[in-house]
Amino acid sequence: MKTEQITLVTSIIAAHDFSASKNVFVGFGGDLCADGAKALGVLIDTTISGEQAPVAVSGIALITSGEAITVGEALSSDANGKAVAVGADVLNGYALDAASAADELIRILLA
């Protein structure tokens, strides 16, 4: 079982309907984080549009992978708010677990 160790949670008004999703990167505007952009943090609970969304901004959070990931890999966001390798994108954290494919839940050390 993977556990979170969140040290700071903030809230932002959800500009997206997150009622069917959590564990994705959230942007500073309350929407899914844009592809390769800096994230405010990781959404830690489902939320409907217009409501306050809880976002982990510091510590270790659970994130959904967008591709295969190795332990220690620097991570950014894809267009769906999922964790992918940084490449030339903005750093959002480091993988603490490996993912063999997309849509796996892994731990991320937020940066």
N, C-alpha and C. Protein backbone atom coordinates (compact mmCIF):
# COMPACT_ATOMS: atom_id res chain seq x y z
N MET A 1 0.84 -1.18 0.00
CA MET A 1 0.00 0.00 0.00
C MET A 1 0.88 1.24 0.00
N LYS A 2 0.57 2.16 -0.86
CA LYS A 2 1.32 3.41 -0.94
C LYS A 2 0.66 4.45 -0.04
N THR A 3 1.46 5.21 0.67
CA THR A 3 0.92 6.21 1.59
C THR A 3 1.40 7.60 1.23
N GLU A 4 0.60 8.57 1.57
CA GLU A 4 0.96 9.97 1.38
C GLU A 4 1.51 10.52 2.68
N GLN A 5 2.40 11.48 2.56
CA GLN A 5 2.94 12.20 3.71
C GLN A 5 2.93 13.67 3.34
N ILE A 6 1.76 14.22 3.33
CA ILE A 6 1.56 15.60 2.88
C ILE A 6 1.87 16.54 4.04
N THR A 7 2.70 17.54 3.76
CA THR A 7 3.06 18.49 4.81
C THR A 7 2.30 19.80 4.69
N LEU A 8 1.73 20.09 3.52
CA LEU A 8 0.95 21.32 3.35
C LEU A 8 -0.13 21.11 2.31
N VAL A 9 -1.37 21.43 2.69
CA VAL A 9 -2.51 21.37 1.79
C VAL A 9 -3.11 22.76 1.71
N THR A 10 -3.44 23.19 0.51
CA THR A 10 -4.17 24.43 0.31
C THR A 10 -5.43 24.12 -0.46
N SER A 11 -6.25 25.11 -0.71
CA SER A 11 -7.44 24.89 -1.52
C SER A 11 -7.50 25.95 -2.61
N ILE A 12 -8.17 25.59 -3.68
CA ILE A 12 -8.37 26.49 -4.81
C ILE A 12 -9.74 26.18 -5.38
N ILE A 13 -10.40 27.18 -5.93
CA ILE A 13 -11.70 26.94 -6.54
C ILE A 13 -11.49 26.13 -7.81
N ALA A 14 -12.16 24.99 -7.90
CA ALA A 14 -12.01 24.10 -9.06
C ALA A 14 -12.64 24.74 -10.29
N ALA A 15 -11.84 24.90 -11.32
CA ALA A 15 -12.33 25.42 -12.60
C ALA A 15 -12.64 24.26 -13.54
N HIS A 16 -12.54 23.05 -13.03
CA HIS A 16 -12.74 21.82 -13.81
C HIS A 16 -13.58 20.89 -12.93
N ASP A 17 -14.37 20.04 -13.55
CA ASP A 17 -15.14 19.05 -12.79
C ASP A 17 -14.24 17.86 -12.46
N PHE A 18 -13.78 17.82 -11.23
CA PHE A 18 -12.92 16.74 -10.76
C PHE A 18 -13.72 15.67 -10.01
N SER A 19 -15.02 15.59 -10.25
CA SER A 19 -15.86 14.65 -9.49
C SER A 19 -15.52 13.19 -9.76
N ALA A 20 -14.88 12.92 -10.89
CA ALA A 20 -14.51 11.54 -11.21
C ALA A 20 -13.01 11.31 -11.17
N SER A 21 -12.27 12.29 -10.68
CA SER A 21 -10.81 12.11 -10.66
C SER A 21 -10.18 12.82 -9.48
N LYS A 22 -9.04 12.29 -9.09
CA LYS A 22 -8.16 12.92 -8.11
C LYS A 22 -6.77 12.38 -8.41
N ASN A 23 -5.76 12.77 -7.65
CA ASN A 23 -4.39 12.32 -7.86
C ASN A 23 -3.87 12.76 -9.23
N VAL A 24 -4.19 13.99 -9.60
CA VAL A 24 -3.68 14.60 -10.83
C VAL A 24 -3.11 15.98 -10.48
N PHE A 25 -2.23 16.48 -11.35
CA PHE A 25 -1.68 17.82 -11.16
C PHE A 25 -2.76 18.87 -11.43
N VAL A 26 -2.81 19.88 -10.56
CA VAL A 26 -3.74 21.00 -10.70
C VAL A 26 -2.93 22.26 -10.95
N GLY A 27 -3.38 23.07 -11.90
CA GLY A 27 -2.71 24.33 -12.21
C GLY A 27 -3.12 25.44 -11.25
N PHE A 28 -2.46 26.57 -11.36
CA PHE A 28 -2.72 27.70 -10.48
C PHE A 28 -4.09 28.33 -10.70
N GLY A 29 -4.75 28.00 -11.82
CA GLY A 29 -6.08 28.52 -12.10
C GLY A 29 -7.20 27.59 -11.68
N GLY A 30 -6.85 26.44 -11.06
CA GLY A 30 -7.86 25.51 -10.59
C GLY A 30 -8.31 24.49 -11.63
N ASP A 31 -7.61 24.45 -12.75
CA ASP A 31 -7.93 23.49 -13.81
C ASP A 31 -6.86 22.40 -13.82
N LEU A 32 -6.99 21.42 -14.70
CA LEU A 32 -5.90 20.46 -14.89
C LEU A 32 -4.65 21.23 -15.27
N CYS A 33 -3.52 20.81 -14.76
CA CYS A 33 -2.27 21.46 -15.10
C CYS A 33 -2.00 21.27 -16.59
N ALA A 34 -1.58 22.31 -17.26
CA ALA A 34 -1.28 22.24 -18.69
C ALA A 34 -0.05 21.38 -18.94
N ASP A 35 0.03 20.84 -20.12
CA ASP A 35 1.15 20.00 -20.54
C ASP A 35 2.48 20.73 -20.34
N GLY A 36 3.35 20.19 -19.49
CA GLY A 36 4.67 20.75 -19.25
C GLY A 36 4.72 21.98 -18.38
N ALA A 37 3.59 22.39 -17.79
CA ALA A 37 3.53 23.60 -16.98
C ALA A 37 3.82 23.32 -15.50
N LYS A 38 4.11 24.37 -14.75
CA LYS A 38 4.29 24.26 -13.31
C LYS A 38 2.93 24.05 -12.66
N ALA A 39 2.83 23.06 -11.82
CA ALA A 39 1.58 22.75 -11.11
C ALA A 39 1.55 23.44 -9.75
N LEU A 40 0.36 23.79 -9.31
CA LEU A 40 0.19 24.24 -7.93
C LEU A 40 0.46 23.06 -7.01
N GLY A 41 -0.03 21.89 -7.38
CA GLY A 41 0.16 20.69 -6.58
C GLY A 41 -0.67 19.56 -7.11
N VAL A 42 -0.98 18.60 -6.24
CA VAL A 42 -1.72 17.40 -6.62
C VAL A 42 -3.08 17.41 -5.92
N LEU A 43 -4.14 17.22 -6.71
CA LEU A 43 -5.49 17.14 -6.17
C LEU A 43 -5.61 15.89 -5.30
N ILE A 44 -6.09 16.05 -4.06
CA ILE A 44 -6.13 14.90 -3.16
C ILE A 44 -7.53 14.38 -2.88
N ASP A 45 -8.56 15.00 -3.49
CA ASP A 45 -9.92 14.48 -3.34
C ASP A 45 -10.75 14.94 -4.52
N THR A 46 -11.82 14.21 -4.80
CA THR A 46 -12.71 14.59 -5.88
C THR A 46 -13.44 15.89 -5.50
N THR A 47 -13.71 16.71 -6.50
CA THR A 47 -14.32 18.01 -6.29
C THR A 47 -15.09 18.41 -7.54
N ILE A 48 -16.25 19.03 -7.37
CA ILE A 48 -16.98 19.52 -8.53
C ILE A 48 -16.55 20.95 -8.85
N SER A 49 -16.78 21.34 -10.08
CA SER A 49 -16.42 22.68 -10.55
C SER A 49 -17.10 23.75 -9.69
N GLY A 50 -16.35 24.77 -9.33
CA GLY A 50 -16.88 25.87 -8.52
C GLY A 50 -16.71 25.69 -7.03
N GLU A 51 -16.35 24.50 -6.59
CA GLU A 51 -16.14 24.23 -5.16
C GLU A 51 -14.65 24.30 -4.82
N GLN A 52 -14.34 24.36 -3.53
CA GLN A 52 -12.96 24.39 -3.08
C GLN A 52 -12.34 23.00 -3.25
N ALA A 53 -11.22 22.95 -3.94
CA ALA A 53 -10.52 21.69 -4.19
C ALA A 53 -9.28 21.62 -3.30
N PRO A 54 -9.09 20.52 -2.55
CA PRO A 54 -7.89 20.37 -1.71
C PRO A 54 -6.70 19.93 -2.56
N VAL A 55 -5.60 20.67 -2.42
CA VAL A 55 -4.42 20.43 -3.23
C VAL A 55 -3.19 20.29 -2.34
N ALA A 56 -2.48 19.15 -2.46
CA ALA A 56 -1.22 18.95 -1.75
C ALA A 56 -0.15 19.77 -2.45
N VAL A 57 0.51 20.66 -1.72
CA VAL A 57 1.53 21.51 -2.33
C VAL A 57 2.93 21.23 -1.81
N SER A 58 3.03 20.41 -0.78
CA SER A 58 4.33 20.07 -0.21
C SER A 58 4.26 18.68 0.41
N GLY A 59 5.35 17.94 0.27
CA GLY A 59 5.43 16.61 0.87
C GLY A 59 5.39 15.52 -0.18
N ILE A 60 4.88 14.36 0.23
CA ILE A 60 4.78 13.20 -0.66
C ILE A 60 3.30 12.94 -0.91
N ALA A 61 2.92 12.95 -2.18
CA ALA A 61 1.52 12.75 -2.56
C ALA A 61 1.41 11.59 -3.54
N LEU A 62 0.20 11.10 -3.72
CA LEU A 62 -0.06 10.07 -4.72
C LEU A 62 -0.48 10.75 -6.02
N ILE A 63 0.08 10.30 -7.14
CA ILE A 63 -0.19 10.89 -8.45
C ILE A 63 -0.43 9.75 -9.45
N THR A 64 -1.23 10.01 -10.45
CA THR A 64 -1.48 9.04 -11.52
C THR A 64 -0.43 9.20 -12.61
N SER A 65 0.17 8.10 -13.00
CA SER A 65 1.19 8.15 -14.06
C SER A 65 0.54 8.33 -15.43
N GLY A 66 1.27 9.01 -16.31
CA GLY A 66 0.81 9.19 -17.68
C GLY A 66 1.60 8.32 -18.65
N GLU A 67 2.61 7.62 -18.12
CA GLU A 67 3.49 6.76 -18.93
C GLU A 67 4.31 5.90 -17.97
N ALA A 68 5.18 5.06 -18.50
CA ALA A 68 6.10 4.30 -17.66
C ALA A 68 7.07 5.27 -17.00
N ILE A 69 7.34 5.06 -15.72
CA ILE A 69 8.19 5.97 -14.93
C ILE A 69 9.14 5.13 -14.10
N THR A 70 10.37 5.63 -13.92
CA THR A 70 11.35 4.94 -13.07
C THR A 70 11.50 5.71 -11.76
N VAL A 71 11.92 5.00 -10.72
CA VAL A 71 12.16 5.61 -9.42
C VAL A 71 13.23 6.69 -9.56
N GLY A 72 12.98 7.84 -8.97
CA GLY A 72 13.92 8.95 -8.99
C GLY A 72 13.79 9.87 -10.19
N GLU A 73 12.94 9.50 -11.14
CA GLU A 73 12.77 10.30 -12.35
C GLU A 73 12.11 11.64 -12.03
N ALA A 74 12.61 12.70 -12.67
CA ALA A 74 12.01 14.02 -12.53
C ALA A 74 10.70 14.04 -13.31
N LEU A 75 9.64 14.58 -12.70
CA LEU A 75 8.31 14.51 -13.28
C LEU A 75 7.70 15.88 -13.56
N SER A 76 6.90 15.90 -14.61
CA SER A 76 6.12 17.06 -15.00
C SER A 76 4.70 16.58 -15.27
N SER A 77 3.88 17.45 -15.84
CA SER A 77 2.49 17.13 -16.13
C SER A 77 2.26 16.95 -17.62
N ASP A 78 1.38 15.99 -17.97
CA ASP A 78 0.92 15.92 -19.35
C ASP A 78 -0.38 16.73 -19.46
N ALA A 79 -1.01 16.72 -20.60
CA ALA A 79 -2.23 17.51 -20.82
C ALA A 79 -3.41 17.04 -19.98
N ASN A 80 -3.32 15.84 -19.40
CA ASN A 80 -4.39 15.31 -18.56
C ASN A 80 -4.08 15.42 -17.07
N GLY A 81 -3.00 16.14 -16.73
CA GLY A 81 -2.62 16.31 -15.33
C GLY A 81 -1.91 15.10 -14.74
N LYS A 82 -1.52 14.15 -15.58
CA LYS A 82 -0.83 12.95 -15.11
C LYS A 82 0.68 13.15 -15.14
N ALA A 83 1.39 12.36 -14.34
CA ALA A 83 2.84 12.48 -14.23
C ALA A 83 3.56 11.84 -15.41
N VAL A 84 4.48 12.61 -16.00
CA VAL A 84 5.32 12.14 -17.10
C VAL A 84 6.74 12.65 -16.87
N ALA A 85 7.71 12.07 -17.60
CA ALA A 85 9.10 12.51 -17.49
C ALA A 85 9.21 13.97 -17.88
N VAL A 86 10.09 14.70 -17.20
CA VAL A 86 10.22 16.14 -17.41
C VAL A 86 10.64 16.51 -18.82
N GLY A 87 11.67 15.89 -19.37
CA GLY A 87 12.19 16.34 -20.66
C GLY A 87 12.59 17.80 -20.55
N ALA A 88 12.04 18.66 -21.38
CA ALA A 88 12.33 20.11 -21.34
C ALA A 88 11.27 20.86 -20.56
N ASP A 89 10.34 20.15 -19.93
CA ASP A 89 9.22 20.76 -19.22
C ASP A 89 9.64 21.24 -17.83
N VAL A 90 8.71 21.83 -17.12
CA VAL A 90 8.92 22.33 -15.77
C VAL A 90 8.84 21.19 -14.77
N LEU A 91 9.73 21.17 -13.81
CA LEU A 91 9.78 20.14 -12.77
C LEU A 91 8.65 20.33 -11.75
N ASN A 92 7.90 19.26 -11.49
CA ASN A 92 6.87 19.28 -10.45
C ASN A 92 7.17 18.32 -9.31
N GLY A 93 8.15 17.43 -9.48
CA GLY A 93 8.50 16.51 -8.41
C GLY A 93 9.32 15.34 -8.90
N TYR A 94 9.58 14.41 -7.98
CA TYR A 94 10.41 13.23 -8.26
C TYR A 94 9.65 11.96 -7.90
N ALA A 95 9.74 10.96 -8.77
CA ALA A 95 9.05 9.69 -8.54
C ALA A 95 9.70 8.90 -7.41
N LEU A 96 8.90 8.45 -6.47
CA LEU A 96 9.38 7.59 -5.39
C LEU A 96 9.03 6.13 -5.65
N ASP A 97 8.22 5.90 -6.68
CA ASP A 97 7.85 4.55 -7.10
C ASP A 97 7.97 4.47 -8.62
N ALA A 98 8.08 3.26 -9.13
CA ALA A 98 8.08 3.04 -10.58
C ALA A 98 6.65 2.77 -11.04
N ALA A 99 6.40 3.10 -12.31
CA ALA A 99 5.14 2.75 -12.97
C ALA A 99 5.51 2.05 -14.26
N SER A 100 4.89 0.92 -14.53
CA SER A 100 5.21 0.18 -15.76
C SER A 100 4.42 0.70 -16.97
N ALA A 101 3.40 1.50 -16.71
CA ALA A 101 2.57 2.05 -17.79
C ALA A 101 1.76 3.24 -17.25
N ALA A 102 0.92 3.80 -18.11
CA ALA A 102 0.05 4.89 -17.70
C ALA A 102 -1.03 4.40 -16.74
N ASP A 103 -1.59 5.34 -16.00
CA ASP A 103 -2.73 5.11 -15.10
C ASP A 103 -2.41 4.25 -13.89
N GLU A 104 -1.16 4.27 -13.44
CA GLU A 104 -0.78 3.63 -12.19
C GLU A 104 -0.60 4.71 -11.12
N LEU A 105 -0.93 4.37 -9.89
CA LEU A 105 -0.78 5.29 -8.78
C LEU A 105 0.61 5.14 -8.18
N ILE A 106 1.37 6.25 -8.16
CA ILE A 106 2.72 6.24 -7.58
C ILE A 106 2.86 7.41 -6.62
N ARG A 107 3.92 7.35 -5.81
CA ARG A 107 4.21 8.46 -4.89
C ARG A 107 5.14 9.45 -5.59
N ILE A 108 4.91 10.73 -5.32
CA ILE A 108 5.76 11.79 -5.86
C ILE A 108 6.21 12.68 -4.70
N LEU A 109 7.49 13.01 -4.70
CA LEU A 109 8.03 14.01 -3.79
C LEU A 109 7.86 15.34 -4.49
N LEU A 110 6.94 16.17 -4.00
CA LEU A 110 6.64 17.43 -4.69
C LEU A 110 7.81 18.40 -4.64
N ALA A 111 8.01 19.10 -5.74
CA ALA A 111 9.10 20.09 -5.84
C ALA A 111 8.53 21.46 -6.07
